Amino acid sequence: MIMNRGSYGACGALTWARAESRYRCGLIVSPERHLPALLARLAPLLSKLARRFISAGSGCDCDWEVID
């Protein structure tokens, strides 16, 4: 089960999208992979809720700079 770890580390659903060179929320891009079997049928709805809860598409609020 996915749990936001807050100050204890990254969310277990946080996944690296190599083609995009960025992290993506697994509950949005592939919710069925991160949900228990009993909730798999609700994946489309939970994906929409996750998108809303994290305010997807409104820009990143991180102030870190990536240095290659």
PDB file of N, CA and C in Angstrom:
ATOM      1  N   MET A   1       0.838  -1.181   0.000  1.00  0.00           N
ATOM      2  CA  MET A   1       0.000   0.000   0.000  1.00  0.00           C
ATOM      3  C   MET A   1       0.884   1.246   0.000  1.00  0.00           C
ATOM      4  N   ILE A   2       0.456   2.262  -0.725  1.00  0.00           N
ATOM      5  CA  ILE A   2       1.210   3.503  -0.845  1.00  0.00           C
ATOM      6  C   ILE A   2       0.943   4.392   0.356  1.00  0.00           C
ATOM      7  N   MET A   3       2.013   4.960   0.848  1.00  0.00           N
ATOM      8  CA  MET A   3       1.869   5.876   1.973  1.00  0.00           C
ATOM      9  C   MET A   3       2.850   7.017   1.775  1.00  0.00           C
ATOM     10  N   ASN A   4       2.365   8.220   1.855  1.00  0.00           N
ATOM     11  CA  ASN A   4       3.239   9.375   1.777  1.00  0.00           C
ATOM     12  C   ASN A   4       4.058   9.419   3.057  1.00  0.00           C
ATOM     13  N   ARG A   5       5.356   9.371   2.917  1.00  0.00           N
ATOM     14  CA  ARG A   5       6.227   9.292   4.080  1.00  0.00           C
ATOM     15  C   ARG A   5       6.590  10.657   4.656  1.00  0.00           C
ATOM     16  N   GLY A   6       6.095  11.727   4.053  1.00  0.00           N
ATOM     17  CA  GLY A   6       6.350  13.079   4.577  1.00  0.00           C
ATOM     18  C   GLY A   6       7.822  13.349   4.781  1.00  0.00           C
ATOM     19  N   SER A   7       8.209  13.631   5.996  1.00  0.00           N
ATOM     20  CA  SER A   7       9.602  13.967   6.277  1.00  0.00           C
ATOM     21  C   SER A   7      10.485  12.733   6.429  1.00  0.00           C
ATOM     22  N   TYR A   8       9.944  11.560   6.188  1.00  0.00           N
ATOM     23  CA  TYR A   8      10.718  10.321   6.331  1.00  0.00           C
ATOM     24  C   TYR A   8      11.189   9.742   5.006  1.00  0.00           C
ATOM     25  N   GLY A   9      10.974  10.411   3.923  1.00  0.00           N
ATOM     26  CA  GLY A   9      11.419   9.926   2.624  1.00  0.00           C
ATOM     27  C   GLY A   9      10.371  10.159   1.552  1.00  0.00           C
ATOM     28  N   ALA A  10      10.732   9.784   0.345  1.00  0.00           N
ATOM     29  CA  ALA A  10       9.834  10.001  -0.794  1.00  0.00           C
ATOM     30  C   ALA A  10       8.649   9.045  -0.762  1.00  0.00           C
ATOM     31  N   CYS A  11       7.589   9.439  -1.394  1.00  0.00           N
ATOM     32  CA  CYS A  11       6.399   8.599  -1.532  1.00  0.00           C
ATOM     33  C   CYS A  11       6.774   7.330  -2.284  1.00  0.00           C
ATOM     34  N   GLY A  12       6.219   6.203  -1.879  1.00  0.00           N
ATOM     35  CA  GLY A  12       6.503   4.926  -2.522  1.00  0.00           C
ATOM     36  C   GLY A  12       6.033   4.844  -3.958  1.00  0.00           C
ATOM     37  N   ALA A  13       5.125   5.708  -4.380  1.00  0.00           N
ATOM     38  CA  ALA A  13       4.624   5.696  -5.755  1.00  0.00           C
ATOM     39  C   ALA A  13       5.408   6.633  -6.669  1.00  0.00           C
ATOM     40  N   LEU A  14       6.371   7.352  -6.133  1.00  0.00           N
ATOM     41  CA  LEU A  14       7.167   8.263  -6.947  1.00  0.00           C
ATOM     42  C   LEU A  14       8.048   7.446  -7.884  1.00  0.00           C
ATOM     43  N   THR A  15       7.904   7.668  -9.189  1.00  0.00           N
ATOM     44  CA  THR A  15       8.649   6.884 -10.171  1.00  0.00           C
ATOM     45  C   THR A  15       9.403   7.798 -11.129  1.00  0.00           C
ATOM     46  N   TRP A  16      10.564   7.339 -11.570  1.00  0.00           N
ATOM     47  CA  TRP A  16      11.393   8.095 -12.503  1.00  0.00           C
ATOM     48  C   TRP A  16      10.957   7.786 -13.921  1.00  0.00           C
ATOM     49  N   ALA A  17      10.641   8.814 -14.696  1.00  0.00           N
ATOM     50  CA  ALA A  17      10.287   8.676 -16.110  1.00  0.00           C
ATOM     51  C   ALA A  17      11.525   9.041 -16.920  1.00  0.00           C
ATOM     52  N   ARG A  18      12.281   8.034 -17.317  1.00  0.00           N
ATOM     53  CA  ARG A  18      13.559   8.265 -18.003  1.00  0.00           C
ATOM     54  C   ARG A  18      13.394   9.095 -19.279  1.00  0.00           C
ATOM     55  N   ALA A  19      12.382   8.779 -20.081  1.00  0.00           N
ATOM     56  CA  ALA A  19      12.170   9.489 -21.336  1.00  0.00           C
ATOM     57  C   ALA A  19      11.897  10.974 -21.126  1.00  0.00           C
ATOM     58  N   GLU A  20      11.302  11.318 -19.978  1.00  0.00           N
ATOM     59  CA  GLU A  20      10.972  12.706 -19.678  1.00  0.00           C
ATOM     60  C   GLU A  20      11.990  13.374 -18.757  1.00  0.00           C
ATOM     61  N   SER A  21      12.920  12.586 -18.225  1.00  0.00           N
ATOM     62  CA  SER A  21      13.931  13.070 -17.281  1.00  0.00           C
ATOM     63  C   SER A  21      13.303  13.791 -16.092  1.00  0.00           C
ATOM     64  N   ARG A  22      12.278  13.150 -15.525  1.00  0.00           N
ATOM     65  CA  ARG A  22      11.626  13.721 -14.354  1.00  0.00           C
ATOM     66  C   ARG A  22      10.887  12.632 -13.588  1.00  0.00           C
ATOM     67  N   TYR A  23      10.538  12.952 -12.368  1.00  0.00           N
ATOM     68  CA  TYR A  23       9.756  12.037 -11.546  1.00  0.00           C
ATOM     69  C   TYR A  23       8.278  12.247 -11.832  1.00  0.00           C
ATOM     70  N   ARG A  24       7.523  11.174 -11.769  1.00  0.00           N
ATOM     71  CA  ARG A  24       6.076  11.217 -11.969  1.00  0.00           C
ATOM     72  C   ARG A  24       5.389  10.517 -10.811  1.00  0.00           C
ATOM     73  N   CYS A  25       4.174  10.891 -10.548  1.00  0.00           N
ATOM     74  CA  CYS A  25       3.373  10.236  -9.519  1.00  0.00           C
ATOM     75  C   CYS A  25       2.807   8.941 -10.103  1.00  0.00           C
ATOM     76  N   GLY A  26       3.209   7.816  -9.517  1.00  0.00           N
ATOM     77  CA  GLY A  26       2.730   6.522  -9.987  1.00  0.00           C
ATOM     78  C   GLY A  26       1.239   6.347  -9.822  1.00  0.00           C
ATOM     79  N   LEU A  27       0.630   7.027  -8.862  1.00  0.00           N
ATOM     80  CA  LEU A  27      -0.817   6.924  -8.692  1.00  0.00           C
ATOM     81  C   LEU A  27      -1.567   7.621  -9.811  1.00  0.00           C
ATOM     82  N   ILE A  28      -0.883   8.476 -10.561  1.00  0.00           N
ATOM     83  CA  ILE A  28      -1.507   9.134 -11.705  1.00  0.00           C
ATOM     84  C   ILE A  28      -1.198   8.373 -12.991  1.00  0.00           C
ATOM     85  N   VAL A  29       0.067   8.022 -13.228  1.00  0.00           N
ATOM     86  CA  VAL A  29       0.446   7.401 -14.500  1.00  0.00           C
ATOM     87  C   VAL A  29       0.179   5.905 -14.571  1.00  0.00           C
ATOM     88  N   SER A  30       0.217   5.197 -13.462  1.00  0.00           N
ATOM     89  CA  SER A  30      -0.067   3.750 -13.466  1.00  0.00           C
ATOM     90  C   SER A  30      -0.613   3.318 -12.097  1.00  0.00           C
ATOM     91  N   PRO A  31      -1.814   3.792 -11.766  1.00  0.00           N
ATOM     92  CA  PRO A  31      -2.357   3.539 -10.439  1.00  0.00           C
ATOM     93  C   PRO A  31      -2.529   2.054 -10.114  1.00  0.00           C
ATOM     94  N   GLU A  32      -2.880   1.249 -11.107  1.00  0.00           N
ATOM     95  CA  GLU A  32      -3.091  -0.180 -10.861  1.00  0.00           C
ATOM     96  C   GLU A  32      -1.828  -0.874 -10.354  1.00  0.00           C
ATOM     97  N   ARG A  33      -0.672  -0.323 -10.661  1.00  0.00           N
ATOM     98  CA  ARG A  33       0.601  -0.890 -10.216  1.00  0.00           C
ATOM     99  C   ARG A  33       0.860  -0.633  -8.736  1.00  0.00           C
ATOM    100  N   HIS A  34       0.242   0.392  -8.203  1.00  0.00           N
ATOM    101  CA  HIS A  34       0.537   0.827  -6.844  1.00  0.00           C
ATOM    102  C   HIS A  34      -0.602   0.606  -5.861  1.00  0.00           C
ATOM    103  N   LEU A  35      -1.705   0.084  -6.347  1.00  0.00           N
ATOM    104  CA  LEU A  35      -2.871  -0.121  -5.491  1.00  0.00           C
ATOM    105  C   LEU A  35      -3.031  -1.584  -5.110  1.00  0.00           C
ATOM    106  N   PRO A  36      -3.596  -1.853  -3.940  1.00  0.00           N
ATOM    107  CA  PRO A  36      -3.902  -3.235  -3.578  1.00  0.00           C
ATOM    108  C   PRO A  36      -4.966  -3.782  -4.535  1.00  0.00           C
ATOM    109  N   ALA A  37      -5.008  -5.087  -4.697  1.00  0.00           N
ATOM    110  CA  ALA A  37      -5.923  -5.732  -5.644  1.00  0.00           C
ATOM    111  C   ALA A  37      -7.376  -5.295  -5.443  1.00  0.00           C
ATOM    112  N   LEU A  38      -7.793  -5.116  -4.202  1.00  0.00           N
ATOM    113  CA  LEU A  38      -9.184  -4.742  -3.941  1.00  0.00           C
ATOM    114  C   LEU A  38      -9.542  -3.361  -4.495  1.00  0.00           C
ATOM    115  N   LEU A  39      -8.559  -2.502  -4.657  1.00  0.00           N
ATOM    116  CA  LEU A  39      -8.812  -1.152  -5.163  1.00  0.00           C
ATOM    117  C   LEU A  39      -8.507  -0.992  -6.649  1.00  0.00           C
ATOM    118  N   ALA A  40      -8.007  -2.026  -7.292  1.00  0.00           N
ATOM    119  CA  ALA A  40      -7.595  -1.928  -8.698  1.00  0.00           C
ATOM    120  C   ALA A  40      -8.741  -1.474  -9.598  1.00  0.00           C
ATOM    121  N   ARG A  41      -9.954  -1.906  -9.303  1.00  0.00           N
ATOM    122  CA  ARG A  41     -11.106  -1.505 -10.126  1.00  0.00           C
ATOM    123  C   ARG A  41     -11.370  -0.001 -10.032  1.00  0.00           C
ATOM    124  N   LEU A  42     -10.912   0.609  -8.958  1.00  0.00           N
ATOM    125  CA  LEU A  42     -11.119   2.048  -8.759  1.00  0.00           C
ATOM    126  C   LEU A  42      -9.961   2.889  -9.291  1.00  0.00           C
ATOM    127  N   ALA A  43      -9.018   2.260  -9.982  1.00  0.00           N
ATOM    128  CA  ALA A  43      -7.812   2.955 -10.447  1.00  0.00           C
ATOM    129  C   ALA A  43      -8.107   4.239 -11.218  1.00  0.00           C
ATOM    130  N   PRO A  44      -9.038   4.244 -12.191  1.00  0.00           N
ATOM    131  CA  PRO A  44      -9.291   5.499 -12.923  1.00  0.00           C
ATOM    132  C   PRO A  44      -9.772   6.637 -12.017  1.00  0.00           C
ATOM    133  N   LEU A  45     -10.663   6.327 -11.102  1.00  0.00           N
ATOM    134  CA  LEU A  45     -11.164   7.341 -10.176  1.00  0.00           C
ATOM    135  C   LEU A  45     -10.065   7.816  -9.233  1.00  0.00           C
ATOM    136  N   LEU A  46      -9.298   6.877  -8.689  1.00  0.00           N
ATOM    137  CA  LEU A  46      -8.230   7.240  -7.761  1.00  0.00           C
ATOM    138  C   LEU A  46      -7.130   8.030  -8.450  1.00  0.00           C
ATOM    139  N   SER A  47      -6.901   7.755  -9.735  1.00  0.00           N
ATOM    140  CA  SER A  47      -5.926   8.521 -10.498  1.00  0.00           C
ATOM    141  C   SER A  47      -6.372   9.977 -10.616  1.00  0.00           C
ATOM    142  N   LYS A  48      -7.662  10.183 -10.895  1.00  0.00           N
ATOM    143  CA  LYS A  48      -8.189  11.550 -10.986  1.00  0.00           C
ATOM    144  C   LYS A  48      -8.095  12.263  -9.642  1.00  0.00           C
ATOM    145  N   LEU A  49      -8.401  11.547  -8.582  1.00  0.00           N
ATOM    146  CA  LEU A  49      -8.309  12.145  -7.246  1.00  0.00           C
ATOM    147  C   LEU A  49      -6.866  12.504  -6.902  1.00  0.00           C
ATOM    148  N   ALA A  50      -5.936  11.624  -7.243  1.00  0.00           N
ATOM    149  CA  ALA A  50      -4.518  11.896  -6.977  1.00  0.00           C
ATOM    150  C   ALA A  50      -4.070  13.137  -7.729  1.00  0.00           C
ATOM    151  N   ARG A  51      -4.492  13.242  -8.993  1.00  0.00           N
ATOM    152  CA  ARG A  51      -4.143  14.415  -9.810  1.00  0.00           C
ATOM    153  C   ARG A  51      -4.646  15.697  -9.144  1.00  0.00           C
ATOM    154  N   ARG A  52      -5.840  15.640  -8.602  1.00  0.00           N
ATOM    155  CA  ARG A  52      -6.418  16.813  -7.936  1.00  0.00           C
ATOM    156  C   ARG A  52      -5.695  17.122  -6.623  1.00  0.00           C
ATOM    157  N   PHE A  53      -5.418  16.087  -5.829  1.00  0.00           N
ATOM    158  CA  PHE A  53      -4.798  16.300  -4.523  1.00  0.00           C
ATOM    159  C   PHE A  53      -3.388  16.865  -4.624  1.00  0.00           C
ATOM    160  N   ILE A  54      -2.635  16.473  -5.651  1.00  0.00           N
ATOM    161  CA  ILE A  54      -1.274  17.002  -5.775  1.00  0.00           C
ATOM    162  C   ILE A  54      -1.214  18.227  -6.681  1.00  0.00           C
ATOM    163  N   SER A  55      -2.366  18.650  -7.189  1.00  0.00           N
ATOM    164  CA  SER A  55      -2.454  19.820  -8.056  1.00  0.00           C
ATOM    165  C   SER A  55      -1.603  19.652  -9.314  1.00  0.00           C
ATOM    166  N   ALA A  56      -1.703  18.476  -9.930  1.00  0.00           N
ATOM    167  CA  ALA A  56      -0.928  18.168 -11.138  1.00  0.00           C
ATOM    168  C   ALA A  56      -1.227  19.176 -12.242  1.00  0.00           C
ATOM    169  N   GLY A  57      -0.192  19.598 -12.926  1.00  0.00           N
ATOM    170  CA  GLY A  57      -0.329  20.528 -14.032  1.00  0.00           C
ATOM    171  C   GLY A  57      -0.214  21.988 -13.636  1.00  0.00           C
ATOM    172  N   SER A  58      -0.091  22.265 -12.340  1.00  0.00           N
ATOM    173  CA  SER A  58       0.001  23.661 -11.910  1.00  0.00           C
ATOM    174  C   SER A  58       1.448  24.105 -11.700  1.00  0.00           C
ATOM    175  N   GLY A  59       2.381  23.249 -12.025  1.00  0.00           N
ATOM    176  CA  GLY A  59       3.790  23.607 -11.893  1.00  0.00           C
ATOM    177  C   GLY A  59       4.407  23.078 -10.612  1.00  0.00           C
ATOM    178  N   CYS A  60       5.688  22.923 -10.630  1.00  0.00           N
ATOM    179  CA  CYS A  60       6.417  22.389  -9.484  1.00  0.00           C
ATOM    180  C   CYS A  60       6.679  23.490  -8.465  1.00  0.00           C
ATOM    181  N   ASP A  61       6.531  23.159  -7.195  1.00  0.00           N
ATOM    182  CA  ASP A  61       6.795  24.160  -6.159  1.00  0.00           C
ATOM    183  C   ASP A  61       8.164  23.973  -5.511  1.00  0.00           C
ATOM    184  N   CYS A  62       8.979  23.117  -6.104  1.00  0.00           N
ATOM    185  CA  CYS A  62      10.320  22.858  -5.586  1.00  0.00           C
ATOM    186  C   CYS A  62      11.275  23.968  -6.036  1.00  0.00           C
ATOM    187  N   ASP A  63      12.149  24.411  -5.146  1.00  0.00           N
ATOM    188  CA  ASP A  63      13.083  25.460  -5.520  1.00  0.00           C
ATOM    189  C   ASP A  63      14.503  24.938  -5.744  1.00  0.00           C
ATOM    190  N   TRP A  64      14.638  23.626  -5.872  1.00  0.00           N
ATOM    191  CA  TRP A  64      15.947  23.035  -6.137  1.00  0.00           C
ATOM    192  C   TRP A  64      16.299  23.184  -7.607  1.00  0.00           C
ATOM    193  N   GLU A  65      17.590  23.322  -7.884  1.00  0.00           N
ATOM    194  CA  GLU A  65      18.067  23.386  -9.267  1.00  0.00           C
ATOM    195  C   GLU A  65      18.783  22.085  -9.592  1.00  0.00           C
ATOM    196  N   VAL A  66      18.494  21.543 -10.772  1.00  0.00           N
ATOM    197  CA  VAL A  66      19.140  20.318 -11.224  1.00  0.00           C
ATOM    198  C   VAL A  66      20.406  20.698 -11.985  1.00  0.00           C
ATOM    199  N   ILE A  67      21.530  20.131 -11.590  1.00  0.00           N
ATOM    200  CA  ILE A  67      22.796  20.412 -12.248  1.00  0.00           C
ATOM    201  C   ILE A  67      23.261  19.126 -12.933  1.00  0.00           C
ATOM    202  N   ASP A  68      23.428  19.182 -14.227  1.00  0.00           N
ATOM    203  CA  ASP A  68      23.883  17.998 -14.985  1.00  0.00           C
ATOM    204  C   ASP A  68      25.375  17.896 -14.992  1.00  0.00           C
TER     205      ASP A  68
END
